[in-house]
Protein backbone atom coordinates (compact mmCIF):
# COMPACT_ATOMS: atom_id res chain seq x y z
CA MET A 1 -61.76 136.25 -123.79
CA GLN A 2 -60.69 139.64 -122.28
CA ARG A 3 -64.51 139.74 -120.94
CA VAL A 4 -64.30 136.51 -119.87
CA LEU A 5 -61.34 137.22 -117.94
CA LYS A 6 -62.93 140.39 -116.85
CA PHE A 7 -65.89 139.19 -115.72
CA SER A 8 -64.87 135.84 -114.62
CA ALA A 9 -62.12 137.31 -112.39
CA LEU A 10 -65.46 139.80 -110.68
CA LEU A 11 -67.65 136.47 -110.39
CA VAL A 12 -64.86 134.36 -108.47
CA LEU A 13 -64.22 137.44 -106.46
CA GLY A 14 -68.20 138.19 -104.92
CA VAL A 15 -68.37 134.23 -104.84
CA THR A 16 -65.20 134.82 -102.66
CA LEU A 17 -66.37 137.19 -100.27
CA CYS A 18 -69.35 135.74 -99.71
CA GLY A 19 -68.05 132.32 -99.45
CA SER A 20 -65.48 134.44 -97.00
CA GLY A 21 -68.61 135.50 -94.74
CA ILE A 22 -70.62 132.08 -94.32
CA GLY A 23 -67.52 130.62 -93.57
CA PHE A 24 -66.03 133.07 -91.17
CA ILE A 25 -69.64 132.27 -89.74
CA VAL A 26 -69.45 128.53 -90.12
CA ALA A 27 -65.86 127.54 -89.36
CA GLY A 28 -64.57 131.12 -87.96
CA THR A 29 -60.79 132.11 -89.61
CA SER A 30 -60.36 129.46 -91.18
CA GLY A 31 -63.39 128.91 -92.65
CA ALA A 32 -62.47 132.30 -94.41
CA LEU A 33 -59.79 131.03 -95.16
CA GLY A 34 -60.32 128.14 -96.64
CA ALA A 35 -63.51 130.25 -98.77
CA LEU A 36 -60.41 132.61 -100.19
CA SER A 37 -57.87 129.40 -100.89
CA GLY A 38 -60.77 127.77 -103.19
CA GLY A 39 -61.01 131.19 -105.00
CA LEU A 40 -57.72 131.09 -105.67
CA CYS A 41 -57.76 128.08 -107.09
CA ALA A 42 -60.80 128.68 -109.23
CA LEU A 43 -59.60 132.05 -110.43
CA LEU A 44 -56.33 130.22 -111.08
CA PHE A 45 -58.36 127.54 -113.56
CA THR A 46 -59.81 129.85 -115.39
CA GLY A 47 -57.32 132.16 -116.07
CA LEU A 48 -55.81 128.51 -117.40
CA THR A 49 -58.69 127.99 -119.86
CA VAL A 50 -58.59 131.32 -121.07
CA LEU A 51 -55.03 131.68 -121.37
CA SER A 52 -55.11 128.28 -123.58
CA VAL A 53 -57.72 129.40 -125.48
CA LEU A 54 -55.91 132.68 -126.42
CA ILE A 55 -52.61 130.56 -126.60
CA GLY A 56 -54.42 127.84 -129.21
CA SER A 57 -56.03 130.46 -131.70
CA ARG A 58 -52.74 131.12 -132.95
CA PHE A 59 -52.50 127.82 -134.22
CA SER A 60 -54.60 125.14 -136.40
CA LEU A 61 -57.23 123.56 -135.19
CA THR A 62 -54.65 120.23 -134.27
CA GLY A 63 -52.72 123.11 -132.58
CA PHE A 64 -56.26 124.87 -131.06
CA MET A 65 -57.19 121.43 -129.15
CA GLY A 66 -53.59 120.85 -127.85
CA ALA A 67 -53.08 124.33 -126.14
CA VAL A 68 -56.34 123.36 -124.52
CA LEU A 69 -56.07 119.57 -123.08
CA GLY A 70 -52.68 120.33 -122.42
CA ALA A 71 -53.98 123.07 -120.34
CA TRP A 72 -56.43 120.90 -118.92
CA PHE A 73 -53.43 117.94 -118.35
CA LEU A 74 -51.37 120.64 -116.69
CA LYS A 75 -55.36 121.99 -114.43
CA MET A 76 -55.43 118.51 -113.08
CA VAL A 77 -52.36 118.16 -111.94
CA LEU A 78 -52.30 121.42 -109.95
CA PHE A 79 -55.61 120.39 -108.74
CA LEU A 80 -54.06 117.20 -107.29
CA VAL A 81 -51.14 119.44 -106.10
CA ILE A 82 -52.84 122.15 -104.38
CA PHE A 83 -55.73 120.29 -103.08
CA GLY A 84 -52.83 117.66 -101.44
CA PHE A 85 -51.31 120.66 -99.61
CA LEU A 86 -54.84 121.63 -98.61
CA ASN A 87 -56.53 118.29 -97.17
CA ARG A 88 -52.37 118.26 -95.29
CA ALA A 89 -53.00 122.11 -94.06
CA GLU A 90 -53.29 122.32 -90.43
CA TRP A 91 -55.13 125.77 -90.59
CA LEU A 92 -58.52 123.94 -92.54
CA THR A 93 -60.31 122.17 -90.00
CA ALA A 94 -62.86 120.09 -90.55
CA GLU A 95 -65.84 122.14 -90.21
CA SER A 96 -63.46 124.79 -92.73
CA ARG A 97 -62.92 122.43 -95.48
CA PRO A 98 -66.79 122.34 -96.90
CA VAL A 99 -66.60 126.29 -97.48
CA VAL A 100 -63.72 125.31 -99.85
CA PHE A 101 -65.09 122.48 -101.72
CA PHE A 102 -68.26 124.49 -102.22
CA THR A 103 -66.26 127.82 -102.64
CA VAL A 104 -64.81 126.16 -105.68
CA VAL A 105 -67.91 124.43 -106.80
CA ALA A 106 -69.86 127.69 -106.70
CA ALA A 107 -67.50 129.63 -109.03
CA VAL A 108 -66.72 126.77 -111.50
CA ILE A 109 -70.84 126.98 -112.30
CA GLY A 110 -70.71 130.06 -112.68
CA THR A 111 -67.67 131.06 -114.46
CA LEU A 112 -69.18 127.97 -116.77
CA ILE A 113 -72.49 129.60 -117.27
CA LEU A 114 -70.70 133.13 -117.53
CA ASP A 115 -68.77 131.77 -120.27
CA SER A 116 -71.24 129.96 -122.07
CA LEU A 117 -73.31 133.55 -122.51
CA VAL A 118 -70.25 135.59 -123.22
CA VAL A 119 -69.45 133.08 -126.19
CA ALA A 120 -73.14 132.71 -126.96
CA LYS A 121 -73.50 136.99 -127.53
CA ALA A 122 -70.07 136.70 -129.24
CA ARG A 123 -69.91 137.77 -132.93
CA LEU A 124 -67.80 135.50 -134.18
CA SER A 125 -66.89 135.98 -137.94
CA PRO A 126 -67.77 132.45 -140.18
CA GLY A 127 -63.45 131.77 -140.67
CA VAL A 128 -62.29 129.50 -143.59
CA GLN A 129 -64.38 126.88 -144.64
CA SER A 130 -62.73 123.82 -146.53
CA LYS A 131 -64.68 122.59 -149.59
């Protein structure tokens, strides 16, 4: 999971830097700040996912699922709060709002692909099997 977090942070940083450059070209400073805010949101959500898996791995399967589901619920609440705030932000112009959206979408899709690749290549022990 440390590899997932490290690679995800690097991926989100790269997407944020590209998005900031494109956002600056499209919408000026507001576009660059929009991409930065979108990248920070994506990093927060990725970090919460990794944290929930690390916490959940200390429990039984039911506890694991509870931790992951709890983190998912927390992410949905944070999503509504953060993007509600961004929707009212005066510094975020109409031209820069798509920059926020595409930065978050690109970062989330990228981290999902990255997570899948890391888990597919991980050496997992079989654990205890039930009878």
